[in-house]
């Protein structure tokens, strides 16, 4: 039996979406890239592709929120 789609999506995003300076200011490009990877991973995990948790608009919102949460332009820098 396939994993619960909601748990799969939440866990996958949490594990794979991290701050990446390469995409600085190019959020839409990054969202598209992550959506493709998530879609492939969900197929591999045998998540039914017609599940509402995999609706493109919902995934786009979840991924964008995760990117915005993890983006920190001063990561690794300290002020003295």
PDB file of N, CA and C in Angstrom:
ATOM      1  N   UNK A   1       0.846  -1.190   0.000  1.00  0.00           N
ATOM      2  CA  UNK A   1       0.000   0.000   0.000  1.00  0.00           C
ATOM      3  C   UNK A   1       0.883   1.243   0.000  1.00  0.00           C
ATOM      4  N   UNK A   2       0.505   2.228  -0.754  1.00  0.00           N
ATOM      5  CA  UNK A   2       1.265   3.469  -0.856  1.00  0.00           C
ATOM      6  C   UNK A   2       1.147   4.283   0.431  1.00  0.00           C
ATOM      7  N   UNK A   3       2.133   5.096   0.654  1.00  0.00           N
ATOM      8  CA  UNK A   3       2.164   5.999   1.801  1.00  0.00           C
ATOM      9  C   UNK A   3       1.040   7.028   1.685  1.00  0.00           C
ATOM     10  N   UNK A   4       0.617   7.568   2.814  1.00  0.00           N
ATOM     11  CA  UNK A   4      -0.382   8.635   2.841  1.00  0.00           C
ATOM     12  C   UNK A   4       0.151   9.823   2.034  1.00  0.00           C
ATOM     13  N   UNK A   5      -0.586  10.280   1.015  1.00  0.00           N
ATOM     14  CA  UNK A   5      -0.096  11.368   0.153  1.00  0.00           C
ATOM     15  C   UNK A   5       0.261  12.649   0.919  1.00  0.00           C
ATOM     16  N   UNK A   6      -0.540  13.019   1.881  1.00  0.00           N
ATOM     17  CA  UNK A   6      -0.275  14.240   2.641  1.00  0.00           C
ATOM     18  C   UNK A   6       1.051  14.128   3.389  1.00  0.00           C
ATOM     19  N   UNK A   7       1.261  12.997   4.050  1.00  0.00           N
ATOM     20  CA  UNK A   7       2.516  12.783   4.779  1.00  0.00           C
ATOM     21  C   UNK A   7       3.701  12.739   3.822  1.00  0.00           C
ATOM     22  N   UNK A   8       3.514  12.064   2.698  1.00  0.00           N
ATOM     23  CA  UNK A   8       4.592  11.965   1.720  1.00  0.00           C
ATOM     24  C   UNK A   8       5.026  13.347   1.247  1.00  0.00           C
ATOM     25  N   UNK A   9       4.056  14.171   0.845  1.00  0.00           N
ATOM     26  CA  UNK A   9       4.365  15.508   0.334  1.00  0.00           C
ATOM     27  C   UNK A   9       5.052  16.344   1.406  1.00  0.00           C
ATOM     28  N   UNK A  10       4.498  16.361   2.607  1.00  0.00           N
ATOM     29  CA  UNK A  10       5.075  17.152   3.697  1.00  0.00           C
ATOM     30  C   UNK A  10       6.503  16.703   4.003  1.00  0.00           C
ATOM     31  N   UNK A  11       6.698  15.388   4.143  1.00  0.00           N
ATOM     32  CA  UNK A  11       8.023  14.869   4.481  1.00  0.00           C
ATOM     33  C   UNK A  11       9.029  15.109   3.356  1.00  0.00           C
ATOM     34  N   UNK A  12       8.590  14.920   2.106  1.00  0.00           N
ATOM     35  CA  UNK A  12       9.492  15.103   0.978  1.00  0.00           C
ATOM     36  C   UNK A  12       9.947  16.554   0.894  1.00  0.00           C
ATOM     37  N   UNK A  13       9.019  17.480   1.009  1.00  0.00           N
ATOM     38  CA  UNK A  13       9.377  18.908   0.945  1.00  0.00           C
ATOM     39  C   UNK A  13      10.318  19.266   2.085  1.00  0.00           C
ATOM     40  N   UNK A  14      10.012  18.791   3.276  1.00  0.00           N
ATOM     41  CA  UNK A  14      10.852  19.069   4.435  1.00  0.00           C
ATOM     42  C   UNK A  14      12.277  18.553   4.239  1.00  0.00           C
ATOM     43  N   UNK A  15      12.404  17.404   3.625  1.00  0.00           N
ATOM     44  CA  UNK A  15      13.712  16.783   3.430  1.00  0.00           C
ATOM     45  C   UNK A  15      14.488  17.382   2.257  1.00  0.00           C
ATOM     46  N   UNK A  16      13.801  17.849   1.220  1.00  0.00           N
ATOM     47  CA  UNK A  16      14.481  18.239  -0.016  1.00  0.00           C
ATOM     48  C   UNK A  16      14.526  19.733  -0.327  1.00  0.00           C
ATOM     49  N   UNK A  17      13.780  20.553   0.370  1.00  0.00           N
ATOM     50  CA  UNK A  17      13.777  21.991   0.063  1.00  0.00           C
ATOM     51  C   UNK A  17      14.604  22.719   1.121  1.00  0.00           C
ATOM     52  N   UNK A  18      15.738  23.229   0.673  1.00  0.00           N
ATOM     53  CA  UNK A  18      16.661  23.933   1.554  1.00  0.00           C
ATOM     54  C   UNK A  18      17.093  25.231   0.875  1.00  0.00           C
ATOM     55  N   UNK A  19      17.671  26.106   1.640  1.00  0.00           N
ATOM     56  CA  UNK A  19      18.173  27.358   1.085  1.00  0.00           C
ATOM     57  C   UNK A  19      19.248  27.059   0.048  1.00  0.00           C
ATOM     58  N   UNK A  20      19.137  27.693  -1.111  1.00  0.00           N
ATOM     59  CA  UNK A  20      20.093  27.476  -2.192  1.00  0.00           C
ATOM     60  C   UNK A  20      20.382  28.807  -2.869  1.00  0.00           C
ATOM     61  N   UNK A  21      21.550  29.391  -2.610  1.00  0.00           N
ATOM     62  CA  UNK A  21      21.869  30.703  -3.181  1.00  0.00           C
ATOM     63  C   UNK A  21      21.878  30.720  -4.706  1.00  0.00           C
ATOM     64  N   UNK A  22      22.031  29.576  -5.351  1.00  0.00           N
ATOM     65  CA  UNK A  22      22.014  29.504  -6.806  1.00  0.00           C
ATOM     66  C   UNK A  22      20.705  30.061  -7.366  1.00  0.00           C
ATOM     67  N   UNK A  23      19.599  29.838  -6.653  1.00  0.00           N
ATOM     68  CA  UNK A  23      18.289  30.271  -7.119  1.00  0.00           C
ATOM     69  C   UNK A  23      17.898  31.647  -6.572  1.00  0.00           C
ATOM     70  N   UNK A  24      18.823  32.382  -6.025  1.00  0.00           N
ATOM     71  CA  UNK A  24      18.529  33.675  -5.412  1.00  0.00           C
ATOM     72  C   UNK A  24      17.706  34.554  -6.349  1.00  0.00           C
ATOM     73  N   UNK A  25      16.483  34.888  -5.910  1.00  0.00           N
ATOM     74  CA  UNK A  25      15.619  35.759  -6.694  1.00  0.00           C
ATOM     75  C   UNK A  25      14.890  35.068  -7.834  1.00  0.00           C
ATOM     76  N   UNK A  26      15.071  33.777  -7.991  1.00  0.00           N
ATOM     77  CA  UNK A  26      14.424  33.041  -9.081  1.00  0.00           C
ATOM     78  C   UNK A  26      13.506  31.962  -8.499  1.00  0.00           C
ATOM     79  N   UNK A  27      12.603  32.392  -7.659  1.00  0.00           N
ATOM     80  CA  UNK A  27      11.735  31.466  -6.935  1.00  0.00           C
ATOM     81  C   UNK A  27      10.893  30.623  -7.873  1.00  0.00           C
ATOM     82  N   UNK A  28      10.293  31.226  -8.885  1.00  0.00           N
ATOM     83  CA  UNK A  28       9.423  30.471  -9.794  1.00  0.00           C
ATOM     84  C   UNK A  28      10.184  29.356 -10.502  1.00  0.00           C
ATOM     85  N   UNK A  29      11.414  29.641 -10.912  1.00  0.00           N
ATOM     86  CA  UNK A  29      12.239  28.622 -11.555  1.00  0.00           C
ATOM     87  C   UNK A  29      12.502  27.472 -10.584  1.00  0.00           C
ATOM     88  N   UNK A  30      12.801  27.820  -9.364  1.00  0.00           N
ATOM     89  CA  UNK A  30      13.072  26.786  -8.361  1.00  0.00           C
ATOM     90  C   UNK A  30      11.818  25.982  -8.047  1.00  0.00           C
ATOM     91  N   UNK A  31      10.674  26.649  -7.921  1.00  0.00           N
ATOM     92  CA  UNK A  31       9.421  25.940  -7.653  1.00  0.00           C
ATOM     93  C   UNK A  31       9.165  24.913  -8.755  1.00  0.00           C
ATOM     94  N   UNK A  32       9.353  25.306  -9.998  1.00  0.00           N
ATOM     95  CA  UNK A  32       9.143  24.389 -11.116  1.00  0.00           C
ATOM     96  C   UNK A  32      10.073  23.192 -11.052  1.00  0.00           C
ATOM     97  N   UNK A  33      11.325  23.427 -10.724  1.00  0.00           N
ATOM     98  CA  UNK A  33      12.299  22.352 -10.613  1.00  0.00           C
ATOM     99  C   UNK A  33      11.925  21.382  -9.494  1.00  0.00           C
ATOM    100  N   UNK A  34      11.543  21.921  -8.352  1.00  0.00           N
ATOM    101  CA  UNK A  34      11.168  21.087  -7.206  1.00  0.00           C
ATOM    102  C   UNK A  34       9.893  20.306  -7.511  1.00  0.00           C
ATOM    103  N   UNK A  35       8.937  20.933  -8.189  1.00  0.00           N
ATOM    104  CA  UNK A  35       7.694  20.240  -8.537  1.00  0.00           C
ATOM    105  C   UNK A  35       7.972  19.023  -9.409  1.00  0.00           C
ATOM    106  N   UNK A  36       8.877  19.143 -10.368  1.00  0.00           N
ATOM    107  CA  UNK A  36       9.222  18.008 -11.235  1.00  0.00           C
ATOM    108  C   UNK A  36       9.837  16.874 -10.419  1.00  0.00           C
ATOM    109  N   UNK A  37      10.739  17.223  -9.514  1.00  0.00           N
ATOM    110  CA  UNK A  37      11.384  16.205  -8.688  1.00  0.00           C
ATOM    111  C   UNK A  37      10.378  15.548  -7.747  1.00  0.00           C
ATOM    112  N   UNK A  38       9.488  16.343  -7.161  1.00  0.00           N
ATOM    113  CA  UNK A  38       8.471  15.798  -6.261  1.00  0.00           C
ATOM    114  C   UNK A  38       7.513  14.883  -7.009  1.00  0.00           C
ATOM    115  N   UNK A  39       7.130  15.274  -8.202  1.00  0.00           N
ATOM    116  CA  UNK A  39       6.242  14.445  -9.008  1.00  0.00           C
ATOM    117  C   UNK A  39       6.886  13.094  -9.309  1.00  0.00           C
ATOM    118  N   UNK A  40       8.140  13.108  -9.693  1.00  0.00           N
ATOM    119  CA  UNK A  40       8.852  11.863  -9.981  1.00  0.00           C
ATOM    120  C   UNK A  40       8.960  10.993  -8.725  1.00  0.00           C
ATOM    121  N   UNK A  41       9.249  11.624  -7.597  1.00  0.00           N
ATOM    122  CA  UNK A  41       9.373  10.876  -6.343  1.00  0.00           C
ATOM    123  C   UNK A  41       8.032  10.281  -5.924  1.00  0.00           C
ATOM    124  N   UNK A  42       6.945  11.018  -6.135  1.00  0.00           N
ATOM    125  CA  UNK A  42       5.629  10.497  -5.754  1.00  0.00           C
ATOM    126  C   UNK A  42       5.229   9.313  -6.634  1.00  0.00           C
ATOM    127  N   UNK A  43       5.598   9.355  -7.908  1.00  0.00           N
ATOM    128  CA  UNK A  43       5.328   8.209  -8.789  1.00  0.00           C
ATOM    129  C   UNK A  43       6.129   6.995  -8.339  1.00  0.00           C
ATOM    130  N   UNK A  44       7.382   7.234  -8.008  1.00  0.00           N
ATOM    131  CA  UNK A  44       8.239   6.141  -7.541  1.00  0.00           C
ATOM    132  C   UNK A  44       7.707   5.533  -6.244  1.00  0.00           C
ATOM    133  N   UNK A  45       7.109   6.365  -5.378  1.00  0.00           N
ATOM    134  CA  UNK A  45       6.555   5.890  -4.108  1.00  0.00           C
ATOM    135  C   UNK A  45       5.148   5.315  -4.278  1.00  0.00           C
ATOM    136  N   UNK A  46       4.694   5.269  -5.524  1.00  0.00           N
ATOM    137  CA  UNK A  46       3.380   4.710  -5.859  1.00  0.00           C
ATOM    138  C   UNK A  46       2.222   5.483  -5.221  1.00  0.00           C
ATOM    139  N   UNK A  47       2.380   6.794  -5.134  1.00  0.00           N
ATOM    140  CA  UNK A  47       1.303   7.668  -4.665  1.00  0.00           C
ATOM    141  C   UNK A  47       0.360   7.858  -5.846  1.00  0.00           C
ATOM    142  N   UNK A  48      -0.943   7.644  -5.677  1.00  0.00           N
ATOM    143  CA  UNK A  48      -1.886   7.863  -6.789  1.00  0.00           C
ATOM    144  C   UNK A  48      -1.784   9.305  -7.291  1.00  0.00           C
ATOM    145  N   UNK A  49      -1.517   9.465  -8.568  1.00  0.00           N
ATOM    146  CA  UNK A  49      -1.280  10.790  -9.138  1.00  0.00           C
ATOM    147  C   UNK A  49      -2.530  11.651  -9.232  1.00  0.00           C
ATOM    148  N   UNK A  50      -3.700  11.056  -9.043  1.00  0.00           N
ATOM    149  CA  UNK A  50      -4.927  11.848  -9.060  1.00  0.00           C
ATOM    150  C   UNK A  50      -5.357  12.275  -7.654  1.00  0.00           C
ATOM    151  N   UNK A  51      -4.503  12.031  -6.657  1.00  0.00           N
ATOM    152  CA  UNK A  51      -4.822  12.432  -5.287  1.00  0.00           C
ATOM    153  C   UNK A  51      -4.827  13.959  -5.185  1.00  0.00           C
ATOM    154  N   UNK A  52      -5.795  14.527  -4.479  1.00  0.00           N
ATOM    155  CA  UNK A  52      -5.864  15.989  -4.337  1.00  0.00           C
ATOM    156  C   UNK A  52      -4.616  16.606  -3.707  1.00  0.00           C
ATOM    157  N   UNK A  53      -3.878  15.841  -2.927  1.00  0.00           N
ATOM    158  CA  UNK A  53      -2.649  16.360  -2.310  1.00  0.00           C
ATOM    159  C   UNK A  53      -1.568  16.650  -3.349  1.00  0.00           C
ATOM    160  N   UNK A  54      -1.736  16.112  -4.557  1.00  0.00           N
ATOM    161  CA  UNK A  54      -0.754  16.334  -5.621  1.00  0.00           C
ATOM    162  C   UNK A  54      -1.244  17.334  -6.662  1.00  0.00           C
ATOM    163  N   UNK A  55      -2.295  18.060  -6.350  1.00  0.00           N
ATOM    164  CA  UNK A  55      -2.801  19.079  -7.269  1.00  0.00           C
ATOM    165  C   UNK A  55      -1.707  20.136  -7.487  1.00  0.00           C
ATOM    166  N   UNK A  56      -1.431  20.484  -8.734  1.00  0.00           N
ATOM    167  CA  UNK A  56      -0.338  21.417  -9.025  1.00  0.00           C
ATOM    168  C   UNK A  56      -0.406  22.736  -8.255  1.00  0.00           C
ATOM    169  N   UNK A  57      -1.585  23.325  -8.127  1.00  0.00           N
ATOM    170  CA  UNK A  57      -1.673  24.602  -7.412  1.00  0.00           C
ATOM    171  C   UNK A  57      -1.316  24.446  -5.940  1.00  0.00           C
ATOM    172  N   UNK A  58      -1.767  23.356  -5.327  1.00  0.00           N
ATOM    173  CA  UNK A  58      -1.445  23.106  -3.920  1.00  0.00           C
ATOM    174  C   UNK A  58       0.050  22.859  -3.748  1.00  0.00           C
ATOM    175  N   UNK A  59       0.619  22.031  -4.610  1.00  0.00           N
ATOM    176  CA  UNK A  59       2.056  21.765  -4.518  1.00  0.00           C
ATOM    177  C   UNK A  59       2.866  23.041  -4.709  1.00  0.00           C
ATOM    178  N   UNK A  60       2.476  23.841  -5.675  1.00  0.00           N
ATOM    179  CA  UNK A  60       3.183  25.104  -5.937  1.00  0.00           C
ATOM    180  C   UNK A  60       3.181  25.984  -4.680  1.00  0.00           C
ATOM    181  N   UNK A  61       2.038  26.083  -4.033  1.00  0.00           N
ATOM    182  CA  UNK A  61       1.937  26.904  -2.819  1.00  0.00           C
ATOM    183  C   UNK A  61       2.784  26.340  -1.686  1.00  0.00           C
ATOM    184  N   UNK A  62       2.736  25.019  -1.492  1.00  0.00           N
ATOM    185  CA  UNK A  62       3.507  24.387  -0.417  1.00  0.00           C
ATOM    186  C   UNK A  62       5.007  24.542  -0.646  1.00  0.00           C
ATOM    187  N   UNK A  63       5.426  24.340  -1.884  1.00  0.00           N
ATOM    188  CA  UNK A  63       6.850  24.454  -2.203  1.00  0.00           C
ATOM    189  C   UNK A  63       7.322  25.892  -2.069  1.00  0.00           C
ATOM    190  N   UNK A  64       6.530  26.827  -2.561  1.00  0.00           N
ATOM    191  CA  UNK A  64       6.922  28.234  -2.458  1.00  0.00           C
ATOM    192  C   UNK A  64       7.021  28.649  -0.995  1.00  0.00           C
ATOM    193  N   UNK A  65       6.086  28.224  -0.173  1.00  0.00           N
ATOM    194  CA  UNK A  65       6.131  28.552   1.255  1.00  0.00           C
ATOM    195  C   UNK A  65       7.384  27.956   1.897  1.00  0.00           C
ATOM    196  N   UNK A  66       7.740  26.735   1.513  1.00  0.00           N
ATOM    197  CA  UNK A  66       8.941  26.103   2.070  1.00  0.00           C
ATOM    198  C   UNK A  66      10.203  26.840   1.634  1.00  0.00           C
ATOM    199  N   UNK A  67      10.245  27.270   0.389  1.00  0.00           N
ATOM    200  CA  UNK A  67      11.405  28.019  -0.094  1.00  0.00           C
ATOM    201  C   UNK A  67      11.527  29.336   0.666  1.00  0.00           C
ATOM    202  N   UNK A  68      10.427  30.019   0.839  1.00  0.00           N
ATOM    203  CA  UNK A  68      10.460  31.298   1.547  1.00  0.00           C
ATOM    204  C   UNK A  68      10.853  31.114   3.008  1.00  0.00           C
ATOM    205  N   UNK A  69      10.444  29.994   3.619  1.00  0.00           N
ATOM    206  CA  UNK A  69      10.814  29.719   5.008  1.00  0.00           C
ATOM    207  C   UNK A  69      12.291  29.419   5.140  1.00  0.00           C
ATOM    208  N   UNK A  70      12.887  28.745   4.146  1.00  0.00           N
ATOM    209  CA  UNK A  70      14.281  28.331   4.272  1.00  0.00           C
ATOM    210  C   UNK A  70      15.256  29.363   3.740  1.00  0.00           C
ATOM    211  N   UNK A  71      14.775  30.346   2.981  1.00  0.00           N
ATOM    212  CA  UNK A  71      15.689  31.336   2.403  1.00  0.00           C
ATOM    213  C   UNK A  71      16.199  32.259   3.486  1.00  0.00           C
ATOM    214  N   UNK A  72      17.496  32.326   3.615  1.00  0.00           N
ATOM    215  CA  UNK A  72      18.131  33.204   4.577  1.00  0.00           C
ATOM    216  C   UNK A  72      19.413  33.714   3.941  1.00  0.00           C
ATOM    217  N   UNK A  73      19.393  34.929   3.406  1.00  0.00           N
ATOM    218  CA  UNK A  73      20.557  35.427   2.681  1.00  0.00           C
ATOM    219  C   UNK A  73      21.810  35.549   3.544  1.00  0.00           C
ATOM    220  N   UNK A  74      21.657  35.586   4.866  1.00  0.00           N
ATOM    221  CA  UNK A  74      22.830  35.715   5.723  1.00  0.00           C
ATOM    222  C   UNK A  74      23.174  34.397   6.402  1.00  0.00           C
ATOM    223  N   UNK A  75      22.693  33.290   5.872  1.00  0.00           N
ATOM    224  CA  UNK A  75      22.989  31.991   6.484  1.00  0.00           C
ATOM    225  C   UNK A  75      24.490  31.806   6.573  1.00  0.00           C
ATOM    226  N   UNK A  76      24.937  31.442   7.733  1.00  0.00           N
ATOM    227  CA  UNK A  76      26.351  31.207   7.939  1.00  0.00           C
ATOM    228  C   UNK A  76      27.144  32.460   8.262  1.00  0.00           C
ATOM    229  N   UNK A  77      26.510  33.614   8.228  1.00  0.00           N
ATOM    230  CA  UNK A  77      27.207  34.866   8.535  1.00  0.00           C
ATOM    231  C   UNK A  77      26.761  35.391   9.895  1.00  0.00           C
ATOM    232  N   UNK A  78      27.695  35.966  10.615  1.00  0.00           N
ATOM    233  CA  UNK A  78      27.361  36.537  11.919  1.00  0.00           C
ATOM    234  C   UNK A  78      27.726  38.016  11.918  1.00  0.00           C
ATOM    235  N   UNK A  79      26.936  38.775  12.622  1.00  0.00           N
ATOM    236  CA  UNK A  79      27.263  40.195  12.796  1.00  0.00           C
ATOM    237  C   UNK A  79      28.064  40.348  14.080  1.00  0.00           C
ATOM    238  N   UNK A  80      29.060  41.194  14.028  1.00  0.00           N
ATOM    239  CA  UNK A  80      29.855  41.438  15.237  1.00  0.00           C
ATOM    240  C   UNK A  80      29.611  42.825  15.739  1.00  0.00           C
TER     241      UNK A  80
END
